């Protein structure tokens, strides 16, 4: 079977980013009058989640340095629900995979799955908090505000989610996910508010990224203003969010899935697939077949999101740690996302199968796109049919003209060399 030629293109996004993160954080500490809240001798917990946030080691270190300037002692608590196999050791490994270590941040990591009950919501849902956070003299709840991959609402991923499912660990995740999508969409914000109100939360730190996954906004927020400000920042995040340059594809090849790219392994906002009962599927992009080629090392075997693909490879399949992945998906209750798709020997065989099932379309005319992952979609490959449609658009730069697909001796596409902005 012949394959269509592919061209490498670059999408031009209008973006602004922070050039000096430490100075920005110093400025935010001053604006929020952190010296009135953080006193010498205090121990202050900083929440750090499991997502692949740009510059996260630098952001955490800068926050820790500001705490030290005020004479207090910062420490990190992993705030990631059931991730890392729902173990204290596993959650430290997740942080290490993100470059967040005691050496890189200059502060201790205290990891535990033990929690303390600190209240309940109006619906009677118990609210938990990490025991180390509970015993701290103060907490800074830090999180990235961005569109969620499971649902759409005015509060999605952000500080309230970190305060609830993050700080509440596996126990809080179970309590909310028991209610399915209603738990994280409708109940999670109130859990987060109760957690902030009933704990020693000093303030929140919100991070927003631009279309190149660069740090665009870092903002310190008083506890009583978090809910309102998070709504406003979510709108900004939507405005900054990137997208694929075409809405209709026969095949999308995703070179690598993983928790460091999205909580669902692949960002549902990018691929147009959610696969959660009771949640309407996006109308675009419209992708007939999705091939997941590999799993990132930073995922530590957690291939959650593989169920969003239609085909995968032996290489990816053999890297799956079923215990870790299953713990995560069963906790979430979104079981479809861990279903194993058709497993083929390699990329070439997976592509052949997808083309074979692409009814009525000649292989050379297939609408194919290839991305390194769903976090970095600025540079991508597109097949000849798509290339001819978009190559003259102002926001498209041609990096490499149409060429034959190149596979290695094992039948896998050669890795994409992209410029990570």
Protein backbone atom coordinates (compact mmCIF):
# COMPACT_ATOMS: atom_id res chain seq x y z
CA UNK A 1 0.00 0.00 0.00
CA UNK A 2 1.28 3.47 -0.87
CA UNK A 3 1.15 6.36 1.57
CA UNK A 4 0.47 10.01 0.78
CA UNK A 5 3.33 12.48 0.80
CA UNK A 6 3.55 14.73 3.86
CA UNK A 7 4.70 18.32 4.33
CA UNK A 8 5.90 19.90 7.55
CA UNK A 9 4.23 23.17 8.46
CA UNK A 10 4.25 25.64 11.33
CA UNK A 11 1.25 27.48 12.70
CA UNK A 12 1.85 31.10 13.59
CA UNK A 13 0.08 32.06 16.79
CA UNK A 14 -0.15 35.59 18.14
CA UNK A 15 1.27 35.14 21.62
CA UNK A 16 2.82 36.99 24.52
CA UNK A 17 4.79 35.33 27.27
CA UNK A 18 6.51 36.20 30.52
CA UNK A 19 10.22 36.73 30.03
CA UNK A 20 11.27 36.91 33.69
CA UNK A 21 9.33 34.47 35.88
CA UNK A 22 11.22 35.13 39.15
CA UNK A 23 10.65 38.89 38.85
CA UNK A 24 6.97 38.34 38.02
CA UNK A 25 6.50 36.22 41.13
CA UNK A 26 8.32 38.79 43.27
CA UNK A 27 5.94 41.42 41.92
CA UNK A 28 2.91 39.25 42.65
CA UNK A 29 4.07 38.61 46.24
CA UNK A 30 4.35 42.37 46.69
CA UNK A 31 0.96 43.08 45.13
CA UNK A 32 -0.78 40.63 47.42
CA UNK A 33 1.13 41.88 50.50
CA UNK A 34 2.51 38.42 51.19
CA UNK A 35 4.63 39.79 54.04
CA UNK A 36 1.43 40.36 56.03
CA UNK A 37 0.52 36.69 55.70
CA UNK A 38 3.87 34.91 55.78
CA UNK A 39 5.83 35.45 58.98
CA UNK A 40 9.32 34.31 59.99
CA UNK A 41 9.39 30.75 61.29
CA UNK A 42 6.26 29.61 59.44
CA UNK A 43 6.19 26.43 57.39
CA UNK A 44 4.36 27.03 54.11
CA UNK A 45 3.07 24.27 51.85
CA UNK A 46 3.08 24.78 48.06
CA UNK A 47 0.78 22.55 45.99
CA UNK A 48 2.26 21.04 42.83
CA UNK A 49 0.16 18.92 40.51
CA UNK A 50 0.91 16.23 37.95
CA UNK A 51 0.39 18.24 34.77
CA UNK A 52 3.07 19.24 32.31
CA UNK A 53 3.03 22.94 33.17
CA UNK A 54 5.64 25.00 31.33
CA UNK A 55 8.51 26.23 33.52
CA UNK A 56 7.06 24.48 36.57
CA UNK A 57 10.43 23.90 38.32
CA UNK A 58 11.28 27.59 37.89
CA UNK A 59 7.84 28.72 39.06
CA UNK A 60 7.97 26.53 42.17
CA UNK A 61 11.54 27.57 43.00
CA UNK A 62 10.65 31.24 42.58
CA UNK A 63 7.66 30.89 44.91
CA UNK A 64 9.84 29.03 47.41
CA UNK A 65 12.52 31.73 47.21
CA UNK A 66 9.97 34.45 47.99
CA UNK A 67 8.80 32.48 51.03
CA UNK A 68 12.40 32.15 52.21
CA UNK A 69 12.94 35.90 51.82
CA UNK A 70 10.18 36.38 54.38
CA UNK A 71 11.95 34.11 56.86
CA UNK A 72 9.62 31.14 56.41
CA UNK A 73 10.29 27.57 55.28
CA UNK A 74 8.60 26.36 52.09
CA UNK A 75 7.86 22.74 51.27
CA UNK A 76 6.07 21.00 48.42
CA UNK A 77 3.07 18.71 48.64
CA UNK A 78 2.08 16.64 45.60
CA UNK A 79 -1.51 17.67 44.83
CA UNK A 80 -2.67 15.15 42.26
CA UNK A 81 -5.55 13.04 43.50
CA UNK A 82 -4.91 9.39 42.62
CA UNK A 83 -2.10 9.96 40.12
CA UNK A 84 1.21 8.22 40.62
CA UNK A 85 -0.58 4.96 41.35
CA UNK A 86 -2.24 6.59 44.39
CA UNK A 87 0.96 6.13 46.42
CA UNK A 88 3.18 8.68 48.14
CA UNK A 89 6.25 7.30 46.40
CA UNK A 90 4.53 7.28 43.02
CA UNK A 91 3.55 10.92 43.36
CA UNK A 92 7.14 11.93 44.08
CA UNK A 93 8.15 10.05 40.91
CA UNK A 94 5.56 12.02 38.94
CA UNK A 95 7.03 15.29 40.24
CA UNK A 96 10.53 14.12 39.37
CA UNK A 97 9.33 13.38 35.84
CA UNK A 98 8.28 17.04 35.61
CA UNK A 99 11.66 18.22 36.86
CA UNK A 100 10.29 19.18 40.28
CA UNK A 101 12.80 17.84 42.80
CA UNK A 102 14.20 19.03 46.09
CA UNK A 103 17.41 20.02 44.27
CA UNK A 104 15.66 21.95 41.47
CA UNK A 105 13.31 23.85 43.79
CA UNK A 106 15.42 24.19 46.90
CA UNK A 107 12.73 22.89 49.22
CA UNK A 108 11.58 19.63 50.76
CA UNK A 109 8.89 17.44 49.22
CA UNK A 110 6.51 15.94 51.77
CA UNK A 111 4.39 13.27 50.14
CA UNK A 112 1.61 11.33 51.83
CA UNK A 113 -1.76 9.91 50.89
CA UNK A 114 -3.07 10.55 54.42
CA UNK A 115 -5.77 13.21 54.70
CA UNK A 116 -7.70 15.09 57.37
CA UNK A 117 -11.43 15.85 57.16
CA UNK A 118 -11.97 19.61 57.39
CA UNK A 119 -15.65 20.03 56.52
CA UNK A 120 -18.36 19.11 54.06
CA UNK A 121 -20.30 20.72 51.23
CA UNK A 122 -23.97 21.72 51.23
CA UNK A 123 -24.68 18.36 49.58
CA UNK A 124 -22.93 16.51 52.41
CA UNK A 125 -19.75 15.61 50.52
CA UNK A 126 -16.84 15.36 52.97
CA UNK A 127 -13.89 17.64 52.25
CA UNK A 128 -10.37 16.32 52.82
CA UNK A 129 -6.95 17.89 52.88
CA UNK A 130 -3.45 16.44 52.75
CA UNK A 131 -2.14 15.93 56.30
CA UNK A 132 1.07 17.84 55.63
CA UNK A 133 -0.91 20.79 54.29
CA UNK A 134 -3.21 20.59 57.30
CA UNK A 135 -0.25 20.72 59.70
CA UNK A 136 1.45 23.57 57.85
CA UNK A 137 1.27 27.16 59.08
CA UNK A 138 0.07 28.25 55.67
CA UNK A 139 -0.76 26.93 52.19
CA UNK A 140 -0.25 28.41 48.75
CA UNK A 141 -2.59 26.67 46.31
CA UNK A 142 -0.93 26.84 42.92
CA UNK A 143 -2.43 25.55 39.69
CA UNK A 144 -2.77 26.16 35.98
CA UNK A 145 -6.09 27.57 34.80
CA UNK A 146 -7.08 25.96 31.52
CA UNK A 147 -9.98 24.29 29.70
CA UNK A 148 -10.82 20.91 31.21
CA UNK A 149 -10.62 17.76 29.15
CA UNK A 150 -13.80 16.18 30.59
CA UNK A 151 -16.44 18.92 30.53
CA UNK A 152 -17.27 22.56 29.79
CA UNK A 153 -18.35 25.04 32.47
CA UNK A 154 -17.35 28.41 33.94
CA UNK A 155 -14.95 26.73 36.43
CA UNK A 156 -12.83 23.95 34.97
CA UNK A 157 -9.15 23.19 35.66
CA UNK A 158 -7.52 25.60 38.06
CA UNK A 159 -6.98 26.54 41.68
CA UNK A 160 -10.32 25.18 42.94
CA UNK A 161 -9.58 21.83 41.35
CA UNK A 162 -6.14 21.79 43.00
CA UNK A 163 -7.72 22.67 46.34
CA UNK A 164 -10.26 19.86 46.03
CA UNK A 165 -9.09 16.81 44.09
CA UNK A 166 -5.43 17.87 44.34
CA UNK A 167 -5.05 18.51 48.06
CA UNK A 168 -7.74 15.99 48.94
CA UNK A 169 -5.69 13.21 47.37
CA UNK A 170 -7.07 9.81 46.42
CA UNK A 171 -9.84 9.96 49.03
CA UNK A 172 -11.29 13.21 47.66
CA UNK A 173 -10.97 11.99 44.11
CA UNK A 174 -12.98 8.89 45.00
CA UNK A 175 -15.61 10.95 46.80
CA UNK A 176 -16.18 13.19 43.78
CA UNK A 177 -15.73 10.68 40.97
CA UNK A 178 -18.37 8.48 42.59
CA UNK A 179 -20.86 10.96 41.12
CA UNK A 180 -19.36 10.68 37.63
CA UNK A 181 -19.17 13.82 35.53
CA UNK A 182 -21.51 15.64 37.94
CA UNK A 183 -18.95 15.18 40.70
CA UNK A 184 -16.09 17.00 39.00
CA UNK A 185 -18.16 19.42 36.95
CA UNK A 186 -20.78 20.56 39.45
CA UNK A 187 -19.56 19.52 42.92
CA UNK A 188 -15.80 20.05 42.62
CA UNK A 189 -15.86 23.88 42.81
CA UNK A 190 -17.74 23.87 46.13
CA UNK A 191 -15.36 21.25 47.56
CA UNK A 192 -12.49 23.52 46.55
CA UNK A 193 -14.11 26.54 48.18
CA UNK A 194 -14.71 24.65 51.44
CA UNK A 195 -11.13 23.38 51.39
CA UNK A 196 -9.79 26.93 51.00
CA UNK A 197 -12.14 28.43 53.60
CA UNK A 198 -11.47 25.73 56.22
CA UNK A 199 -7.71 25.50 55.79
CA UNK A 200 -4.78 27.84 56.29
CA UNK A 201 -4.74 28.89 52.63
CA UNK A 202 -2.80 32.14 52.36
CA UNK A 203 -3.53 32.77 48.69
CA UNK A 204 -3.69 31.07 45.32
CA UNK A 205 -1.29 31.35 42.42
CA UNK A 206 -2.83 30.95 38.98
CA UNK A 207 -0.79 30.13 35.89
CA UNK A 208 -2.12 30.59 32.35
CA UNK A 209 -0.28 29.49 29.22
CA UNK A 210 -0.40 30.77 25.66
CA UNK A 211 -0.83 28.85 22.40
CA UNK A 212 2.84 27.86 22.42
CA UNK A 213 2.49 26.39 25.92
CA UNK A 214 4.60 29.21 27.30
CA UNK A 215 3.87 30.93 30.60
CA UNK A 216 1.65 33.90 29.78
CA UNK A 217 0.17 34.89 33.15
CA UNK A 218 1.17 34.28 36.77
CA UNK A 219 -1.18 35.87 39.27
CA UNK A 220 -1.47 35.71 43.05
CA UNK A 221 -5.09 35.82 44.25
CA UNK A 222 -6.58 36.40 47.69
CA UNK A 223 -8.60 33.37 48.90
CA UNK A 224 -11.96 35.16 48.82
CA UNK A 225 -11.36 36.25 45.20
CA UNK A 226 -10.24 32.92 43.76
CA UNK A 227 -13.62 31.76 42.43
CA UNK A 228 -14.44 35.00 40.60
CA UNK A 229 -10.93 35.53 39.25
CA UNK A 230 -10.63 31.92 38.09
CA UNK A 231 -13.72 32.39 35.90
CA UNK A 232 -12.09 35.41 34.27
CA UNK A 233 -8.76 33.66 33.75
CA UNK A 234 -10.48 30.63 32.21
CA UNK A 235 -11.90 32.91 29.51
CA UNK A 236 -8.39 34.18 28.83
CA UNK A 237 -7.12 30.60 28.66
CA UNK A 238 -9.77 29.74 26.07
CA UNK A 239 -8.74 32.76 24.01
CA UNK A 240 -5.09 31.66 24.12
CA UNK A 241 -5.72 27.96 23.43
CA UNK A 242 -4.24 26.59 20.19
CA UNK A 243 -6.02 24.30 17.74
CA UNK A 244 -5.20 22.16 14.72
CA UNK A 245 -5.29 24.08 11.43
CA UNK A 246 -7.91 21.76 9.90
CA UNK A 247 -11.23 20.55 11.23
CA UNK A 248 -11.72 17.42 9.13
CA UNK A 249 -9.21 14.55 9.02
CA UNK A 250 -9.29 10.93 7.96
CA UNK A 251 -6.36 10.05 10.21
CA UNK A 252 -4.53 11.82 13.02
CA UNK A 253 -1.20 10.33 14.13
CA UNK A 254 -0.17 11.30 17.65
CA UNK A 255 3.47 10.38 18.12
CA UNK A 256 3.31 10.31 21.91
CA UNK A 257 0.56 10.38 24.52
CA UNK A 258 1.15 10.92 28.21
CA UNK A 259 0.18 12.53 31.50
CA UNK A 260 2.86 15.19 30.98
CA UNK A 261 0.95 16.41 27.92
CA UNK A 262 -2.58 16.21 29.32
CA UNK A 263 -4.39 14.72 32.27
CA UNK A 264 -6.14 12.48 29.76
CA UNK A 265 -2.97 11.56 27.88
CA UNK A 266 -4.29 13.50 24.89
CA UNK A 267 -5.98 16.86 25.25
CA UNK A 268 -9.61 16.33 24.33
CA UNK A 269 -9.90 19.97 23.30
CA UNK A 270 -7.31 19.32 20.59
CA UNK A 271 -8.54 15.96 19.26
CA UNK A 272 -12.29 16.57 19.63
CA UNK A 273 -12.95 13.39 21.63
CA UNK A 274 -14.11 13.29 25.26
CA UNK A 275 -15.58 9.78 25.71
CA UNK A 276 -17.37 10.45 28.99
CA UNK A 277 -20.92 9.25 29.55
CA UNK A 278 -23.35 12.14 29.63
CA UNK A 279 -20.99 14.60 27.94
CA UNK A 280 -21.67 15.65 24.37
CA UNK A 281 -18.82 15.03 21.94
CA UNK A 282 -17.32 18.13 20.28
CA UNK A 283 -18.38 18.77 16.69
CA UNK A 284 -14.82 19.55 15.63
CA UNK A 285 -12.25 18.55 14.85
CA UNK A 286 -13.81 15.59 13.06
CA UNK A 287 -11.27 12.73 13.00
CA UNK A 288 -12.19 9.32 11.61
CA UNK A 289 -9.23 7.38 12.99
CA UNK A 290 -6.65 8.32 15.60
CA UNK A 291 -3.35 6.44 15.93
CA UNK A 292 -1.45 6.65 19.23
CA UNK A 293 2.13 5.63 18.50
CA UNK A 294 4.06 5.87 21.78
CA UNK A 295 3.78 6.57 25.53
CA UNK A 296 5.96 9.19 27.22
CA UNK A 297 8.52 8.07 29.79
CA UNK A 298 7.22 10.77 32.14
CA UNK A 299 3.89 8.91 32.33
CA UNK A 300 5.50 6.00 34.19
CA UNK A 301 3.31 3.49 32.39
CA UNK A 302 0.05 5.37 32.92
CA UNK A 303 -1.51 5.23 29.45
CA UNK A 304 -4.81 6.80 30.49
CA UNK A 305 -6.28 8.27 27.33
CA UNK A 306 -5.35 5.34 25.13
CA UNK A 307 -9.08 4.70 24.87
CA UNK A 308 -9.39 7.93 22.88
CA UNK A 309 -7.41 6.28 20.08
CA UNK A 310 -8.63 3.77 17.49
CA UNK A 311 -5.29 2.10 16.81
CA UNK A 312 -2.00 1.82 18.65
CA UNK A 313 1.35 0.03 18.42
CA UNK A 314 3.07 -2.81 20.22
CA UNK A 315 5.67 -0.31 21.39
CA UNK A 316 3.07 1.67 23.30
CA UNK A 317 1.15 -1.36 24.49
CA UNK A 318 4.24 -2.94 26.03
CA UNK A 319 4.93 0.20 28.07
CA UNK A 320 1.54 0.19 29.81
CA UNK A 321 1.54 -0.33 33.57
CA UNK A 322 -1.97 -1.68 33.94
CA UNK A 323 -2.06 -1.25 37.72
CA UNK A 324 -1.17 2.42 37.54
CA UNK A 325 -3.46 3.17 34.61
CA UNK A 326 -6.38 1.20 36.01
CA UNK A 327 -6.09 2.88 39.42
CA UNK A 328 -6.37 6.25 37.72
CA UNK A 329 -9.27 5.38 35.40
CA UNK A 330 -11.31 3.45 37.95
CA UNK A 331 -10.98 6.38 40.34
CA UNK A 332 -12.21 8.74 37.63
CA UNK A 333 -15.00 6.28 36.59
CA UNK A 334 -14.46 7.30 32.93
CA UNK A 335 -13.70 3.72 31.92
CA UNK A 336 -13.72 4.22 28.15
CA UNK A 337 -10.48 6.16 28.39
CA UNK A 338 -8.45 3.10 29.34
CA UNK A 339 -9.90 0.74 26.73
CA UNK A 340 -7.10 -0.74 24.65
CA UNK A 341 -7.60 -0.08 20.93
CA UNK A 342 -6.44 -2.33 18.09
CA UNK A 343 -2.73 -3.08 18.61
CA UNK A 344 -0.60 -3.22 15.46
CA UNK A 345 3.08 -4.12 15.04
CA UNK A 346 4.22 -0.57 14.32
CA UNK A 347 3.28 2.79 12.81
CA UNK A 348 3.35 1.45 9.26
CA UNK A 349 0.88 -1.33 10.03
CA UNK A 350 -1.38 0.96 12.03
CA UNK A 351 -1.46 3.45 9.17
CA UNK A 352 -2.19 0.67 6.68
CA UNK A 353 -5.14 -0.49 8.79
CA UNK A 354 -6.55 3.03 9.08
CA UNK A 355 -6.23 3.63 5.34
CA UNK A 356 -7.84 0.26 4.62
CA UNK A 357 -10.85 1.32 6.74
CA UNK A 358 -11.03 4.79 5.20
CA UNK A 359 -13.83 3.79 2.85
CA UNK A 360 -13.93 5.24 -0.62
CA UNK A 361 -10.78 7.35 -0.26
CA UNK A 362 -7.62 6.52 -2.20
CA UNK A 363 -4.55 6.33 0.05
CA UNK A 364 -2.82 9.18 -1.78
CA UNK A 365 -5.86 11.42 -1.21
CA UNK A 366 -6.26 10.67 2.51
CA UNK A 367 -6.48 13.65 4.85
CA UNK A 368 -3.73 12.86 7.37
CA UNK A 369 -2.11 15.01 10.05
CA UNK A 370 0.71 14.07 12.40
CA UNK A 371 1.59 15.82 15.67
CA UNK A 372 4.30 15.08 18.26
CA UNK A 373 1.70 15.22 21.08
CA UNK A 374 -1.37 17.28 21.89
CA UNK A 375 0.56 19.84 23.92
CA UNK A 376 2.89 20.92 21.12
CA UNK A 377 0.91 21.40 17.92
CA UNK A 378 2.64 24.46 16.52
CA UNK A 379 4.63 22.26 14.13
CA UNK A 380 3.02 19.30 12.41
CA UNK A 381 2.92 17.22 9.25
CA UNK A 382 -0.03 17.23 6.88
CA UNK A 383 -0.77 15.10 3.84
CA UNK A 384 -0.84 16.50 0.30
CA UNK A 385 -4.61 17.04 0.18
CA UNK A 386 -4.59 19.14 3.35
CA UNK A 387 -1.35 20.89 2.38
CA UNK A 388 -2.85 22.11 -0.89
CA UNK A 389 -5.78 23.59 1.03
CA UNK A 390 -3.88 25.54 3.69
CA UNK A 391 -0.29 26.22 2.56
CA UNK A 392 -1.14 29.72 1.29
CA UNK A 393 -2.83 30.84 4.51
CA UNK A 394 -1.14 33.75 6.31
CA UNK A 395 -0.79 31.85 9.58
CA UNK A 396 0.94 28.86 7.94
CA UNK A 397 4.69 28.64 7.33
CA UNK A 398 6.02 25.77 5.20
CA UNK A 399 9.02 24.22 6.92
CA UNK A 400 9.46 21.28 4.58
CA UNK A 401 7.80 20.50 1.27
CA UNK A 402 5.97 17.31 0.35
CA UNK A 403 8.05 14.18 0.87
CA UNK A 404 7.50 10.46 1.24
CA UNK A 405 6.88 9.18 4.78
CA UNK A 406 10.04 7.78 6.33
CA UNK A 407 9.93 4.68 8.55
CA UNK A 408 12.82 3.13 10.46
CA UNK A 409 13.87 -0.53 10.29
CA UNK A 410 11.18 -1.42 12.84
CA UNK A 411 8.38 0.24 10.90
CA UNK A 412 8.07 3.34 13.08
CA UNK A 413 8.04 6.88 11.78
CA UNK A 414 11.22 8.77 12.54
CA UNK A 415 10.71 11.12 15.50
CA UNK A 416 9.59 14.64 14.71
CA UNK A 417 12.18 17.32 15.33
CA UNK A 418 10.24 20.34 16.49
CA UNK A 419 11.08 23.67 18.04
CA UNK A 420 9.44 23.74 21.49
CA UNK A 421 8.62 27.39 22.14
